[in-house]
N, C-alpha and C. Protein backbone atom coordinates (compact mmCIF):
# COMPACT_ATOMS: atom_id res chain seq x y z
N UNK A 1 122.58 156.44 129.83
CA UNK A 1 121.33 156.99 129.36
C UNK A 1 121.56 157.72 128.02
N UNK A 2 120.61 157.50 127.09
CA UNK A 2 120.72 158.04 125.79
C UNK A 2 120.16 159.50 125.82
N UNK A 3 120.85 160.38 125.14
CA UNK A 3 120.39 161.76 125.12
C UNK A 3 119.66 162.01 123.94
N UNK A 4 118.40 161.77 123.90
CA UNK A 4 117.49 162.10 122.69
C UNK A 4 117.00 163.44 122.93
N UNK A 5 117.23 164.33 122.01
CA UNK A 5 116.66 165.70 121.94
C UNK A 5 115.77 165.88 120.76
N UNK A 6 114.49 165.88 121.10
CA UNK A 6 113.49 166.12 120.02
C UNK A 6 113.23 167.58 119.66
N UNK A 7 113.86 168.44 120.42
CA UNK A 7 113.91 169.87 120.16
C UNK A 7 115.21 170.30 119.50
N UNK A 8 115.16 171.11 118.50
CA UNK A 8 116.43 171.50 117.80
C UNK A 8 116.50 172.93 117.70
N UNK A 9 117.75 173.44 117.28
CA UNK A 9 117.96 174.86 117.20
C UNK A 9 116.92 175.47 116.20
N UNK A 10 116.52 176.66 116.44
CA UNK A 10 115.64 177.50 115.59
C UNK A 10 114.17 176.92 115.66
N UNK A 11 113.89 176.07 116.60
CA UNK A 11 112.50 175.54 116.78
C UNK A 11 111.74 176.63 117.57
N UNK A 12 110.45 176.84 117.35
CA UNK A 12 109.63 177.67 118.20
C UNK A 12 109.06 176.90 119.31
N UNK A 13 109.21 177.40 120.63
CA UNK A 13 108.80 176.65 121.76
C UNK A 13 107.97 177.47 122.66
N UNK A 14 107.24 176.76 123.58
CA UNK A 14 106.56 177.49 124.71
C UNK A 14 107.02 177.01 126.02
N UNK A 15 107.13 177.82 127.00
CA UNK A 15 107.60 177.51 128.40
C UNK A 15 106.50 176.99 129.11
N UNK A 16 106.62 175.71 129.74
CA UNK A 16 105.55 175.03 130.51
C UNK A 16 105.63 175.43 131.95
N UNK A 17 106.74 175.66 132.55
CA UNK A 17 106.84 175.89 134.01
C UNK A 17 107.82 177.04 134.32
N UNK A 18 107.74 177.58 135.55
CA UNK A 18 108.77 178.57 135.88
C UNK A 18 108.28 179.91 135.83
N UNK A 19 109.14 180.88 135.98
CA UNK A 19 108.84 182.30 136.03
C UNK A 19 108.40 182.83 134.75
N UNK A 20 108.83 182.18 133.63
CA UNK A 20 108.31 182.61 132.22
C UNK A 20 107.31 181.67 131.63
N UNK A 21 106.49 181.12 132.50
CA UNK A 21 105.44 180.19 132.01
C UNK A 21 104.50 180.79 130.94
N UNK A 22 104.31 180.10 129.86
CA UNK A 22 103.44 180.65 128.81
C UNK A 22 104.15 181.57 127.73
N UNK A 23 105.28 181.96 127.99
CA UNK A 23 106.04 182.75 126.96
C UNK A 23 106.54 181.83 125.84
N UNK A 24 106.58 182.40 124.69
CA UNK A 24 107.20 181.72 123.43
C UNK A 24 108.39 182.31 123.03
N UNK A 25 109.26 181.47 122.39
CA UNK A 25 110.54 181.94 121.86
C UNK A 25 111.19 180.93 121.03
N UNK A 26 112.37 181.39 120.51
CA UNK A 26 112.99 180.52 119.45
C UNK A 26 114.27 179.96 120.17
N UNK A 27 114.62 178.68 119.90
CA UNK A 27 115.67 178.04 120.56
C UNK A 27 117.03 178.55 119.84
N UNK A 28 117.92 179.14 120.73
CA UNK A 28 119.18 179.53 120.19
C UNK A 28 120.27 178.45 120.20
N UNK A 29 120.17 177.60 121.28
CA UNK A 29 121.24 176.58 121.38
C UNK A 29 120.69 175.35 122.22
N UNK A 30 121.05 174.18 121.75
CA UNK A 30 120.63 172.92 122.52
C UNK A 30 121.91 172.29 123.10
N UNK A 31 121.87 171.86 124.34
CA UNK A 31 123.01 171.23 124.98
C UNK A 31 122.50 169.84 125.32
N UNK A 32 122.69 168.86 124.44
CA UNK A 32 122.11 167.52 124.71
C UNK A 32 122.66 166.68 125.76
N UNK A 33 123.98 166.94 126.09
CA UNK A 33 124.59 166.15 127.19
C UNK A 33 124.05 166.57 128.51
N UNK A 34 123.63 167.84 128.68
CA UNK A 34 123.00 168.26 129.97
C UNK A 34 121.52 168.35 129.84
N UNK A 35 120.92 168.06 128.72
CA UNK A 35 119.48 168.06 128.49
C UNK A 35 118.93 169.48 128.78
N UNK A 36 119.53 170.48 128.17
CA UNK A 36 119.14 171.86 128.39
C UNK A 36 119.06 172.61 127.11
N UNK A 37 118.26 173.75 127.04
CA UNK A 37 118.14 174.57 125.93
C UNK A 37 118.33 176.02 126.35
N UNK A 38 118.78 176.82 125.41
CA UNK A 38 118.92 178.22 125.53
C UNK A 38 117.79 178.89 124.65
N UNK A 39 116.93 179.70 125.15
CA UNK A 39 115.79 180.28 124.44
C UNK A 39 115.96 181.78 124.44
N UNK A 40 115.84 182.31 123.24
CA UNK A 40 115.79 183.81 123.01
C UNK A 40 114.79 184.55 123.87
N UNK A 41 115.23 185.46 124.72
CA UNK A 41 114.36 186.29 125.58
C UNK A 41 113.72 185.61 126.77
N UNK A 42 114.03 184.34 127.03
CA UNK A 42 113.49 183.64 128.15
C UNK A 42 114.59 183.29 129.19
N UNK A 43 114.10 183.21 130.55
CA UNK A 43 115.00 182.90 131.61
C UNK A 43 116.12 183.89 131.61
N UNK A 44 115.89 185.17 131.64
CA UNK A 44 116.91 186.26 131.69
C UNK A 44 117.49 186.31 133.07
N UNK A 45 118.80 186.47 133.17
CA UNK A 45 119.45 186.60 134.41
C UNK A 45 120.34 187.85 134.35
N UNK A 46 120.63 188.48 135.51
CA UNK A 46 121.52 189.68 135.51
C UNK A 46 122.86 189.21 135.73
N UNK A 47 123.84 189.70 134.97
CA UNK A 47 125.24 189.38 135.17
C UNK A 47 126.08 190.67 135.33
N UNK A 48 126.87 190.64 136.39
CA UNK A 48 127.71 191.78 136.69
C UNK A 48 128.99 191.57 135.91
N UNK A 49 129.25 192.48 134.88
CA UNK A 49 130.38 192.25 133.98
C UNK A 49 131.47 193.30 134.27
N UNK A 50 132.72 192.95 134.39
CA UNK A 50 133.76 193.84 134.60
C UNK A 50 134.18 194.48 133.21
N UNK A 51 134.52 195.71 133.30
CA UNK A 51 134.95 196.34 132.05
C UNK A 51 136.23 195.78 131.50
N UNK A 52 136.30 195.70 130.14
CA UNK A 52 137.49 195.17 129.52
C UNK A 52 137.79 196.11 128.35
N UNK A 53 138.71 195.72 127.52
CA UNK A 53 139.19 196.51 126.39
C UNK A 53 138.05 196.51 125.33
N UNK A 54 137.34 195.35 125.21
CA UNK A 54 136.41 195.24 124.21
C UNK A 54 134.91 195.52 124.65
N UNK A 55 134.62 195.39 125.93
CA UNK A 55 133.30 195.46 126.42
C UNK A 55 133.25 196.51 127.53
N UNK A 56 132.14 197.17 127.69
CA UNK A 56 131.92 198.10 128.74
C UNK A 56 131.40 197.39 129.93
N UNK A 57 131.76 197.84 131.24
CA UNK A 57 131.28 197.15 132.44
C UNK A 57 129.87 197.52 132.80
N UNK A 58 129.34 196.74 133.76
CA UNK A 58 127.99 197.10 134.20
C UNK A 58 127.17 195.87 134.43
N UNK A 59 125.87 196.04 134.56
CA UNK A 59 125.02 194.92 134.81
C UNK A 59 124.28 194.66 133.52
N UNK A 60 124.46 193.38 132.97
CA UNK A 60 123.83 193.12 131.69
C UNK A 60 122.85 191.89 131.94
N UNK A 61 121.90 191.84 131.04
CA UNK A 61 120.86 190.76 131.15
C UNK A 61 121.25 189.78 129.98
N UNK A 62 121.21 188.44 130.30
CA UNK A 62 121.38 187.44 129.30
C UNK A 62 120.62 186.27 129.60
N UNK A 63 120.48 185.45 128.57
CA UNK A 63 119.63 184.21 128.66
C UNK A 63 120.47 183.16 129.47
N UNK A 64 119.77 182.47 130.33
CA UNK A 64 120.40 181.28 130.97
C UNK A 64 119.64 180.05 130.38
N UNK A 65 120.41 178.92 130.46
CA UNK A 65 119.77 177.64 129.91
C UNK A 65 118.70 177.22 130.89
N UNK A 66 117.78 176.43 130.36
CA UNK A 66 116.73 175.77 131.17
C UNK A 66 116.57 174.29 130.74
N UNK A 67 116.03 173.49 131.60
CA UNK A 67 115.88 172.17 131.35
C UNK A 67 114.88 171.88 130.24
N UNK A 68 115.17 170.89 129.34
CA UNK A 68 114.38 170.58 128.19
C UNK A 68 112.97 170.22 128.59
N UNK A 69 112.87 169.61 129.76
CA UNK A 69 111.48 169.18 130.26
C UNK A 69 110.57 170.31 130.55
N UNK A 70 111.03 171.49 130.64
CA UNK A 70 110.30 172.73 131.08
C UNK A 70 109.79 173.47 129.83
N UNK A 71 110.14 172.91 128.55
CA UNK A 71 109.63 173.53 127.37
C UNK A 71 108.91 172.57 126.40
N UNK A 72 108.08 172.98 125.60
CA UNK A 72 107.37 172.10 124.67
C UNK A 72 107.40 172.80 123.30
N UNK A 73 107.47 172.05 122.20
CA UNK A 73 107.42 172.50 120.85
C UNK A 73 106.09 173.14 120.56
N UNK A 74 106.09 174.22 119.74
CA UNK A 74 104.76 174.83 119.40
C UNK A 74 104.28 174.07 118.13
N UNK A 75 102.96 173.81 118.21
CA UNK A 75 102.32 173.19 117.00
C UNK A 75 102.25 174.21 115.97
N UNK A 76 102.76 173.90 114.67
CA UNK A 76 102.69 174.96 113.66
C UNK A 76 101.32 175.33 113.18
N UNK A 77 100.33 174.52 113.39
CA UNK A 77 99.06 174.68 112.92
C UNK A 77 98.10 175.49 113.99
N UNK A 78 98.21 174.98 115.23
CA UNK A 78 97.39 175.66 116.30
C UNK A 78 98.08 176.62 117.23
N UNK A 79 99.47 176.58 117.25
CA UNK A 79 100.15 177.55 118.08
C UNK A 79 100.24 177.16 119.53
N UNK A 80 99.82 175.88 119.83
CA UNK A 80 99.82 175.38 121.23
C UNK A 80 100.91 174.36 121.39
N UNK A 81 101.17 173.97 122.72
CA UNK A 81 102.15 172.98 123.00
C UNK A 81 101.85 171.59 122.46
N UNK A 82 102.86 170.94 122.02
CA UNK A 82 102.69 169.57 121.34
C UNK A 82 103.89 168.75 121.65
N UNK A 83 103.67 167.43 121.52
CA UNK A 83 104.80 166.50 121.64
C UNK A 83 105.24 166.23 120.21
N UNK A 84 106.54 165.61 120.10
CA UNK A 84 107.10 165.37 118.79
C UNK A 84 107.05 163.91 118.53
N UNK A 85 106.73 163.55 117.23
CA UNK A 85 106.75 162.22 116.79
C UNK A 85 107.48 162.17 115.53
N UNK A 86 107.79 161.01 114.94
CA UNK A 86 108.54 160.81 113.73
C UNK A 86 107.73 160.07 112.80
N UNK A 87 107.93 160.28 111.50
CA UNK A 87 107.25 159.60 110.49
C UNK A 87 108.17 159.40 109.22
N UNK A 88 108.10 158.21 108.62
CA UNK A 88 108.93 158.00 107.44
C UNK A 88 108.14 158.27 106.23
N UNK A 89 108.51 159.21 105.40
CA UNK A 89 107.75 159.53 104.18
C UNK A 89 107.91 158.52 103.08
N UNK A 90 107.21 158.68 101.96
CA UNK A 90 107.28 157.69 100.87
C UNK A 90 108.71 157.67 100.21
N UNK A 91 109.35 158.84 100.25
CA UNK A 91 110.65 158.84 99.62
C UNK A 91 111.80 158.28 100.57
N UNK A 92 111.43 157.93 101.71
CA UNK A 92 112.32 157.33 102.66
C UNK A 92 112.95 158.30 103.73
N UNK A 93 112.54 159.62 103.67
CA UNK A 93 113.13 160.56 104.53
C UNK A 93 112.33 160.53 105.92
N UNK A 94 113.10 160.69 107.00
CA UNK A 94 112.44 160.71 108.27
C UNK A 94 112.19 162.17 108.73
N UNK A 95 110.95 162.47 109.03
CA UNK A 95 110.63 163.81 109.36
C UNK A 95 109.92 163.87 110.82
N UNK A 96 110.09 165.03 111.47
CA UNK A 96 109.40 165.24 112.73
C UNK A 96 107.96 165.70 112.53
N UNK A 97 107.11 165.26 113.29
CA UNK A 97 105.73 165.63 113.19
C UNK A 97 105.14 166.09 114.58
N UNK A 98 104.14 166.98 114.55
CA UNK A 98 103.49 167.44 115.72
C UNK A 98 102.45 166.49 116.08
N UNK A 99 102.49 165.80 117.32
CA UNK A 99 101.46 164.79 117.67
C UNK A 99 100.03 165.46 117.77
N UNK A 100 99.96 166.75 118.11
CA UNK A 100 98.64 167.32 118.21
C UNK A 100 97.83 167.45 116.95
N UNK A 101 98.55 167.85 115.89
CA UNK A 101 97.90 168.04 114.61
C UNK A 101 98.22 167.14 113.45
N UNK A 102 99.44 166.50 113.60
CA UNK A 102 100.00 165.67 112.54
C UNK A 102 100.73 166.45 111.52
N UNK A 103 100.92 167.76 111.73
CA UNK A 103 101.58 168.55 110.72
C UNK A 103 103.10 168.31 110.76
N UNK A 104 103.79 168.43 109.63
CA UNK A 104 105.21 168.23 109.62
C UNK A 104 105.90 169.46 110.20
N UNK A 105 106.88 169.29 111.05
CA UNK A 105 107.67 170.37 111.54
C UNK A 105 108.88 170.67 110.70
N UNK A 106 108.92 172.02 110.28
CA UNK A 106 110.09 172.33 109.46
C UNK A 106 111.41 172.07 110.14
N UNK A 107 112.34 171.45 109.33
CA UNK A 107 113.51 170.98 109.98
C UNK A 107 114.70 172.10 109.85
């Protein structure tokens, strides 16, 4: 199976399902082999951390990855969920476009 990821790092996304449904955030990391994304401030989990020389111990909150099918790209024009398409411009460069409005998504 080919791992096509239409969502990239620093994209603005909206969560479609789960406990954080409707929340918006910025993609911190994409894991294409597992088809997962890490989103800033979304899908927070508690982690019990042991004290070490560099870090203090205690319970910390951190982002956990979520499946790429549970998020959608935000349309730059309307601010709603959209699918991603591709278009070849006159100068020969391939760009991502929002299917909802046809706007070019900043790369």
